[in-house]
PDB file of N, CA and C in Angstrom:
ATOM      1  N   MET A   1      16.743   2.998   3.710  1.00  0.00           N
ATOM      2  CA  MET A   1      15.972   1.982   4.390  1.00  0.00           C
ATOM      3  C   MET A   1      16.106   0.916   3.287  1.00  0.00           C
ATOM      4  N   THR A   2      16.340  -0.516   4.381  1.00  0.00           N
ATOM      5  CA  THR A   2      16.596  -1.951   3.375  1.00  0.00           C
ATOM      6  C   THR A   2      15.505  -2.387   3.190  1.00  0.00           C
ATOM      7  N   LEU A   3      15.438  -3.612   2.857  1.00  0.00           N
ATOM      8  CA  LEU A   3      13.898  -4.265   2.374  1.00  0.00           C
ATOM      9  C   LEU A   3      13.779  -4.907   3.744  1.00  0.00           C
ATOM     10  N   GLU A   4      14.424  -5.344   4.341  1.00  0.00           N
ATOM     11  CA  GLU A   4      14.377  -5.915   6.105  1.00  0.00           C
ATOM     12  C   GLU A   4      13.845  -4.896   6.906  1.00  0.00           C
ATOM     13  N   ASP A   5      14.366  -4.033   6.732  1.00  0.00           N
ATOM     14  CA  ASP A   5      13.918  -2.775   7.601  1.00  0.00           C
ATOM     15  C   ASP A   5      12.555  -2.611   7.000  1.00  0.00           C
ATOM     16  N   LEU A   6      11.913  -2.538   6.009  1.00  0.00           N
ATOM     17  CA  LEU A   6      10.733  -2.221   5.388  1.00  0.00           C
ATOM     18  C   LEU A   6       9.643  -3.263   5.999  1.00  0.00           C
ATOM     19  N   LYS A   7      10.112  -4.542   6.029  1.00  0.00           N
ATOM     20  CA  LYS A   7       9.486  -5.807   6.210  1.00  0.00           C
ATOM     21  C   LYS A   7       9.330  -5.568   7.527  1.00  0.00           C
ATOM     22  N   ARG A   8       9.981  -5.406   8.182  1.00  0.00           N
ATOM     23  CA  ARG A   8      10.124  -5.452   9.802  1.00  0.00           C
ATOM     24  C   ARG A   8       8.818  -4.388  10.541  1.00  0.00           C
ATOM     25  N   GLU A   9       8.985  -3.022   9.470  1.00  0.00           N
ATOM     26  CA  GLU A   9       7.920  -2.466   9.827  1.00  0.00           C
ATOM     27  C   GLU A   9       6.419  -2.687   9.590  1.00  0.00           C
ATOM     28  N   ALA A  10       6.582  -3.275   8.232  1.00  0.00           N
ATOM     29  CA  ALA A  10       5.291  -3.972   7.648  1.00  0.00           C
ATOM     30  C   ALA A  10       4.677  -4.893   8.918  1.00  0.00           C
ATOM     31  N   LEU A  11       5.451  -5.818   9.134  1.00  0.00           N
ATOM     32  CA  LEU A  11       4.847  -6.906   9.986  1.00  0.00           C
ATOM     33  C   LEU A  11       4.610  -6.256  11.404  1.00  0.00           C
ATOM     34  N   ALA A  12       4.384  -5.122  11.799  1.00  0.00           N
ATOM     35  CA  ALA A  12       4.631  -4.401  12.952  1.00  0.00           C
ATOM     36  C   ALA A  12       3.144  -3.745  12.650  1.00  0.00           C
ATOM     37  N   LEU A  13       2.803  -3.600  11.628  1.00  0.00           N
ATOM     38  CA  LEU A  13       1.423  -2.977  11.206  1.00  0.00           C
ATOM     39  C   LEU A  13       0.214  -3.770  12.105  1.00  0.00           C
ATOM     40  N   SER A  14      -0.972  -3.339  12.346  1.00  0.00           N
ATOM     41  CA  SER A  14      -2.158  -3.800  12.807  1.00  0.00           C
ATOM     42  C   SER A  14      -2.445  -5.028  11.571  1.00  0.00           C
ATOM     43  N   PRO A  15      -3.699  -5.728  11.599  1.00  0.00           N
ATOM     44  CA  PRO A  15      -3.792  -6.645  10.675  1.00  0.00           C
ATOM     45  C   PRO A  15      -4.274  -6.156   9.509  1.00  0.00           C
ATOM     46  N   GLU A  16      -5.092  -5.488   9.888  1.00  0.00           N
ATOM     47  CA  GLU A  16      -6.323  -4.555   8.986  1.00  0.00           C
ATOM     48  C   GLU A  16      -5.203  -3.618   8.050  1.00  0.00           C
ATOM     49  N   ARG A  17      -4.010  -3.081   8.423  1.00  0.00           N
ATOM     50  CA  ARG A  17      -3.241  -2.308   8.094  1.00  0.00           C
ATOM     51  C   ARG A  17      -2.721  -3.206   7.308  1.00  0.00           C
ATOM     52  N   ARG A  18      -1.863  -4.419   7.670  1.00  0.00           N
ATOM     53  CA  ARG A  18      -1.141  -5.092   6.842  1.00  0.00           C
ATOM     54  C   ARG A  18      -2.102  -5.615   5.496  1.00  0.00           C
ATOM     55  N   ALA A  19      -3.057  -5.916   5.617  1.00  0.00           N
ATOM     56  CA  ALA A  19      -3.886  -6.481   4.505  1.00  0.00           C
ATOM     57  C   ALA A  19      -4.523  -5.437   3.393  1.00  0.00           C
ATOM     58  N   ALA A  20      -4.282  -3.986   3.913  1.00  0.00           N
ATOM     59  CA  ALA A  20      -4.570  -3.343   2.879  1.00  0.00           C
ATOM     60  C   ALA A  20      -3.521  -2.744   2.601  1.00  0.00           C
ATOM     61  N   LEU A  21      -2.352  -2.955   2.720  1.00  0.00           N
ATOM     62  CA  LEU A  21      -0.723  -2.608   2.270  1.00  0.00           C
ATOM     63  C   LEU A  21      -0.613  -3.938   1.574  1.00  0.00           C
ATOM     64  N   ALA A  22      -1.226  -5.402   1.847  1.00  0.00           N
ATOM     65  CA  ALA A  22      -0.769  -6.349   0.771  1.00  0.00           C
ATOM     66  C   ALA A  22      -1.822  -6.029  -0.699  1.00  0.00           C
ATOM     67  N   HIS A  23      -2.665  -5.705  -0.259  1.00  0.00           N
ATOM     68  CA  HIS A  23      -3.626  -5.671  -1.233  1.00  0.00           C
ATOM     69  C   HIS A  23      -3.209  -4.560  -2.483  1.00  0.00           C
ATOM     70  N   ASP A  24      -2.668  -3.360  -1.781  1.00  0.00           N
ATOM     71  CA  ASP A  24      -2.077  -2.145  -2.579  1.00  0.00           C
ATOM     72  C   ASP A  24      -1.034  -2.752  -3.324  1.00  0.00           C
ATOM     73  N   ILE A  25      -0.148  -3.621  -2.869  1.00  0.00           N
ATOM     74  CA  ILE A  25       1.117  -4.527  -3.277  1.00  0.00           C
ATOM     75  C   ILE A  25       0.542  -5.175  -4.510  1.00  0.00           C
ATOM     76  N   VAL A  26      -0.482  -5.835  -4.175  1.00  0.00           N
ATOM     77  CA  VAL A  26      -0.851  -6.842  -5.240  1.00  0.00           C
ATOM     78  C   VAL A  26      -1.213  -6.219  -6.415  1.00  0.00           C
ATOM     79  N   ILE A  27      -2.519  -5.389  -6.214  1.00  0.00           N
ATOM     80  CA  ILE A  27      -2.739  -4.587  -7.381  1.00  0.00           C
ATOM     81  C   ILE A  27      -1.704  -3.830  -8.223  1.00  0.00           C
ATOM     82  N   SER A  28      -0.595  -3.376  -7.690  1.00  0.00           N
ATOM     83  CA  SER A  28       0.518  -2.605  -8.206  1.00  0.00           C
ATOM     84  C   SER A  28       1.136  -3.595  -9.110  1.00  0.00           C
ATOM     85  N   LEU A  29       1.024  -5.053  -9.098  1.00  0.00           N
ATOM     86  CA  LEU A  29       1.488  -6.089  -9.837  1.00  0.00           C
ATOM     87  C   LEU A  29       0.957  -6.073 -11.283  1.00  0.00           C
ATOM     88  N   GLU A  30      -0.440  -5.822 -11.163  1.00  0.00           N
ATOM     89  CA  GLU A  30      -1.355  -6.192 -12.278  1.00  0.00           C
ATOM     90  C   GLU A  30      -0.471  -5.801 -13.550  1.00  0.00           C
ATOM     91  N   GLY A  31      -0.025  -4.626 -13.914  1.00  0.00           N
ATOM     92  CA  GLY A  31       0.651  -4.102 -14.804  1.00  0.00           C
ATOM     93  C   GLY A  31       1.510  -4.881 -15.286  1.00  0.00           C
ATOM     94  N   LEU A  32       2.028  -5.854 -14.748  1.00  0.00           N
ATOM     95  CA  LEU A  32       3.346  -6.376 -15.311  1.00  0.00           C
ATOM     96  C   LEU A  32       3.134  -7.247 -16.462  1.00  0.00           C
ATOM     97  N   SER A  33       4.192  -7.645 -17.260  1.00  0.00           N
ATOM     98  CA  SER A  33       3.609  -8.218 -18.306  1.00  0.00           C
ATOM     99  C   SER A  33       3.641  -9.834 -17.984  1.00  0.00           C
ATOM    100  N   PRO A  34       2.753 -10.847 -18.618  1.00  0.00           N
ATOM    101  CA  PRO A  34       2.867 -12.370 -18.103  1.00  0.00           C
ATOM    102  C   PRO A  34       4.393 -12.692 -17.996  1.00  0.00           C
ATOM    103  N   GLU A  35       5.136 -12.112 -19.188  1.00  0.00           N
ATOM    104  CA  GLU A  35       6.463 -12.882 -18.741  1.00  0.00           C
ATOM    105  C   GLU A  35       6.975 -12.512 -17.826  1.00  0.00           C
ATOM    106  N   MET A  36       6.732 -11.377 -17.265  1.00  0.00           N
ATOM    107  CA  MET A  36       7.514 -10.908 -15.961  1.00  0.00           C
ATOM    108  C   MET A  36       6.924 -11.283 -14.848  1.00  0.00           C
ATOM    109  N   LEU A  37       5.582 -11.613 -14.715  1.00  0.00           N
ATOM    110  CA  LEU A  37       5.033 -12.518 -13.736  1.00  0.00           C
ATOM    111  C   LEU A  37       5.640 -13.763 -13.606  1.00  0.00           C
ATOM    112  N   GLU A  38       5.862 -14.442 -14.760  1.00  0.00           N
ATOM    113  CA  GLU A  38       5.946 -15.840 -14.641  1.00  0.00           C
ATOM    114  C   GLU A  38       7.846 -15.860 -13.908  1.00  0.00           C
ATOM    115  N   SER A  39       8.368 -15.021 -14.788  1.00  0.00           N
ATOM    116  CA  SER A  39       9.610 -14.889 -14.051  1.00  0.00           C
ATOM    117  C   SER A  39       9.561 -14.590 -12.797  1.00  0.00           C
ATOM    118  N   LEU A  40       9.064 -13.779 -12.089  1.00  0.00           N
ATOM    119  CA  LEU A  40       8.829 -13.786 -10.615  1.00  0.00           C
ATOM    120  C   LEU A  40       8.656 -14.908  -9.701  1.00  0.00           C
ATOM    121  N   TRP A  41       7.770 -15.662 -10.537  1.00  0.00           N
ATOM    122  CA  TRP A  41       6.889 -16.725  -9.688  1.00  0.00           C
ATOM    123  C   TRP A  41       8.163 -17.646  -9.669  1.00  0.00           C
ATOM    124  N   LEU A  42       8.915 -17.521 -11.273  1.00  0.00           N
ATOM    125  CA  LEU A  42      10.125 -18.864 -11.096  1.00  0.00           C
ATOM    126  C   LEU A  42      11.105 -18.627 -10.145  1.00  0.00           C
ATOM    127  N   ASP A  43      11.417 -17.283 -10.008  1.00  0.00           N
ATOM    128  CA  ASP A  43      12.546 -16.776  -8.876  1.00  0.00           C
ATOM    129  C   ASP A  43      11.816 -17.284  -7.474  1.00  0.00           C
ATOM    130  N   GLU A  44      10.898 -16.896  -7.249  1.00  0.00           N
ATOM    131  CA  GLU A  44      10.058 -17.333  -5.838  1.00  0.00           C
ATOM    132  C   GLU A  44      10.476 -18.761  -5.653  1.00  0.00           C
ATOM    133  N   ALA A  45       9.692 -19.702  -6.684  1.00  0.00           N
ATOM    134  CA  ALA A  45       9.704 -21.201  -6.676  1.00  0.00           C
ATOM    135  C   ALA A  45      11.123 -21.603  -6.558  1.00  0.00           C
ATOM    136  N   GLU A  46      12.172 -21.196  -6.940  1.00  0.00           N
ATOM    137  CA  GLU A  46      13.975 -21.592  -6.833  1.00  0.00           C
ATOM    138  C   GLU A  46      13.900 -20.863  -5.360  1.00  0.00           C
ATOM    139  N   ARG A  47      13.824 -19.996  -5.345  1.00  0.00           N
ATOM    140  CA  ARG A  47      13.907 -19.579  -3.531  1.00  0.00           C
ATOM    141  C   ARG A  47      13.629 -20.500  -2.798  1.00  0.00           C
ATOM    142  N   ARG A  48      12.007 -20.581  -2.576  1.00  0.00           N
ATOM    143  CA  ARG A  48      11.689 -22.161  -1.788  1.00  0.00           C
ATOM    144  C   ARG A  48      12.420 -22.968  -1.822  1.00  0.00           C
ATOM    145  N   ASP A  49      12.855 -23.606  -3.365  1.00  0.00           N
ATOM    146  CA  ASP A  49      13.337 -24.877  -3.473  1.00  0.00           C
ATOM    147  C   ASP A  49      14.802 -24.988  -2.500  1.00  0.00           C
ATOM    148  N   ARG A  50      15.256 -23.748  -2.764  1.00  0.00           N
ATOM    149  CA  ARG A  50      16.814 -23.733  -2.491  1.00  0.00           C
ATOM    150  C   ARG A  50      16.601 -23.656  -0.845  1.00  0.00           C
ATOM    151  N   GLU A  51      15.553 -22.789  -0.226  1.00  0.00           N
ATOM    152  CA  GLU A  51      15.340 -23.048   1.492  1.00  0.00           C
ATOM    153  C   GLU A  51      15.157 -24.293   1.905  1.00  0.00           C
ATOM    154  N   MET A  52      14.548 -24.926   0.641  1.00  0.00           N
ATOM    155  CA  MET A  52      14.037 -26.542   1.248  1.00  0.00           C
ATOM    156  C   MET A  52      15.378 -27.732   1.347  1.00  0.00           C
ATOM    157  N   ASP A  53      16.312 -27.472   0.413  1.00  0.00           N
ATOM    158  CA  ASP A  53      17.653 -28.167  -0.012  1.00  0.00           C
ATOM    159  C   ASP A  53      18.315 -27.573   1.283  1.00  0.00           C
ATOM    160  N   GLU A  54      18.282 -26.520   1.869  1.00  0.00           N
ATOM    161  CA  GLU A  54      19.572 -25.825   2.409  1.00  0.00           C
ATOM    162  C   GLU A  54      18.754 -26.267   4.111  1.00  0.00           C
ATOM    163  N   GLY A  55      17.660 -26.664   4.187  1.00  0.00           N
ATOM    164  CA  GLY A  55      16.921 -27.134   5.358  1.00  0.00           C
ATOM    165  C   GLY A  55      16.592 -25.895   6.433  1.00  0.00           C
ATOM    166  N   SER A  56      16.445 -24.710   5.835  1.00  0.00           N
ATOM    167  CA  SER A  56      16.159 -23.673   6.310  1.00  0.00           C
ATOM    168  C   SER A  56      14.317 -23.094   6.180  1.00  0.00           C
ATOM    169  N   SER A  57      13.748 -24.044   5.590  1.00  0.00           N
ATOM    170  CA  SER A  57      12.472 -23.826   5.424  1.00  0.00           C
ATOM    171  C   SER A  57      11.882 -25.600   5.505  1.00  0.00           C
ATOM    172  N   THR A  58      10.619 -25.800   5.681  1.00  0.00           N
ATOM    173  CA  THR A  58      10.342 -27.283   5.972  1.00  0.00           C
ATOM    174  C   THR A  58       8.891 -27.041   5.159  1.00  0.00           C
ATOM    175  N   GLY A  59       8.437 -27.930   4.488  1.00  0.00           N
ATOM    176  CA  GLY A  59       7.008 -28.566   3.800  1.00  0.00           C
ATOM    177  C   GLY A  59       6.122 -28.992   4.482  1.00  0.00           C
ATOM    178  N   ILE A  60       5.024 -28.862   4.279  1.00  0.00           N
ATOM    179  CA  ILE A  60       3.866 -29.571   5.064  1.00  0.00           C
ATOM    180  C   ILE A  60       3.054 -30.353   3.952  1.00  0.00           C
ATOM    181  N   PRO A  61       3.069 -31.527   4.582  1.00  0.00           N
ATOM    182  CA  PRO A  61       2.435 -32.521   3.552  1.00  0.00           C
ATOM    183  C   PRO A  61       1.069 -32.342   2.966  1.00  0.00           C
ATOM    184  N   GLY A  62       0.652 -32.313   1.932  1.00  0.00           N
ATOM    185  CA  GLY A  62      -0.432 -31.716   0.958  1.00  0.00           C
ATOM    186  C   GLY A  62      -1.661 -32.687   1.814  1.00  0.00           C
ATOM    187  N   ASP A  63      -1.727 -33.770   2.281  1.00  0.00           N
ATOM    188  CA  ASP A  63      -2.673 -34.364   3.112  1.00  0.00           C
ATOM    189  C   ASP A  63      -2.958 -33.311   4.519  1.00  0.00           C
ATOM    190  N   GLU A  64      -1.976 -32.982   5.080  1.00  0.00           N
ATOM    191  CA  GLU A  64      -2.182 -32.326   6.255  1.00  0.00           C
ATOM    192  C   GLU A  64      -2.974 -31.150   5.716  1.00  0.00           C
ATOM    193  N   VAL A  65      -2.538 -30.048   4.803  1.00  0.00           N
ATOM    194  CA  VAL A  65      -2.742 -28.696   4.433  1.00  0.00           C
ATOM    195  C   VAL A  65      -3.960 -29.129   4.290  1.00  0.00           C
ATOM    196  N   PHE A  66      -4.779 -29.969   3.295  1.00  0.00           N
ATOM    197  CA  PHE A  66      -5.946 -30.046   2.920  1.00  0.00           C
ATOM    198  C   PHE A  66      -7.018 -30.368   4.251  1.00  0.00           C
ATOM    199  N   ALA A  67      -6.597 -31.422   5.164  1.00  0.00           N
ATOM    200  CA  ALA A  67      -7.248 -31.574   6.598  1.00  0.00           C
ATOM    201  C   ALA A  67      -7.563 -30.340   7.103  1.00  0.00           C
ATOM    202  N   ARG A  68      -6.406 -29.342   6.875  1.00  0.00           N
ATOM    203  CA  ARG A  68      -6.694 -28.143   7.514  1.00  0.00           C
ATOM    204  C   ARG A  68      -7.463 -27.365   7.016  1.00  0.00           C
ATOM    205  N   LEU A  69      -7.581 -27.256   5.626  1.00  0.00           N
ATOM    206  CA  LEU A  69      -8.762 -26.655   5.017  1.00  0.00           C
ATOM    207  C   LEU A  69     -10.175 -26.945   5.653  1.00  0.00           C
ATOM    208  N   ARG A  70     -10.112 -28.306   5.465  1.00  0.00           N
ATOM    209  CA  ARG A  70     -11.403 -28.845   5.830  1.00  0.00           C
ATOM    210  C   ARG A  70     -11.641 -28.652   6.850  1.00  0.00           C
ATOM    211  N   ALA A  71     -10.909 -28.805   7.880  1.00  0.00           N
ATOM    212  CA  ALA A  71     -11.465 -28.264   9.719  1.00  0.00           C
ATOM    213  C   ALA A  71     -11.898 -26.976   9.586  1.00  0.00           C
ATOM    214  N   ARG A  72     -11.214 -25.962   8.988  1.00  0.00           N
ATOM    215  CA  ARG A  72     -11.824 -24.744   8.840  1.00  0.00           C
ATOM    216  C   ARG A  72     -13.111 -24.282   8.219  1.00  0.00           C
ATOM    217  N   ARG A  73     -13.591 -25.374   7.479  1.00  0.00           N
ATOM    218  CA  ARG A  73     -14.753 -25.124   6.700  1.00  0.00           C
ATOM    219  C   ARG A  73     -16.150 -25.946   7.500  1.00  0.00           C
ATOM    220  N   GLU A  74     -15.380 -26.627   8.846  1.00  0.00           N
ATOM    221  CA  GLU A  74     -16.630 -26.954   9.388  1.00  0.00           C
ATOM    222  C   GLU A  74     -16.965 -26.463  10.353  1.00  0.00           C
TER     223      GLU A  74
END
């Protein structure tokens, strides 16, 4: 099974089961060293930056993000 296969199957789960799976995955990362976690976050930041540069991903302006959050709280 490839990562894409696993992702496709996970996304087909109900929201409740996806949340439980996400929780278990996050908990599994707690045993990693701070250095490993930092490395993983740096890799993710570089991936996102590359996607932005390539145009395969777009950002949302900070003002819009905060406006959406405020709207949710009302």
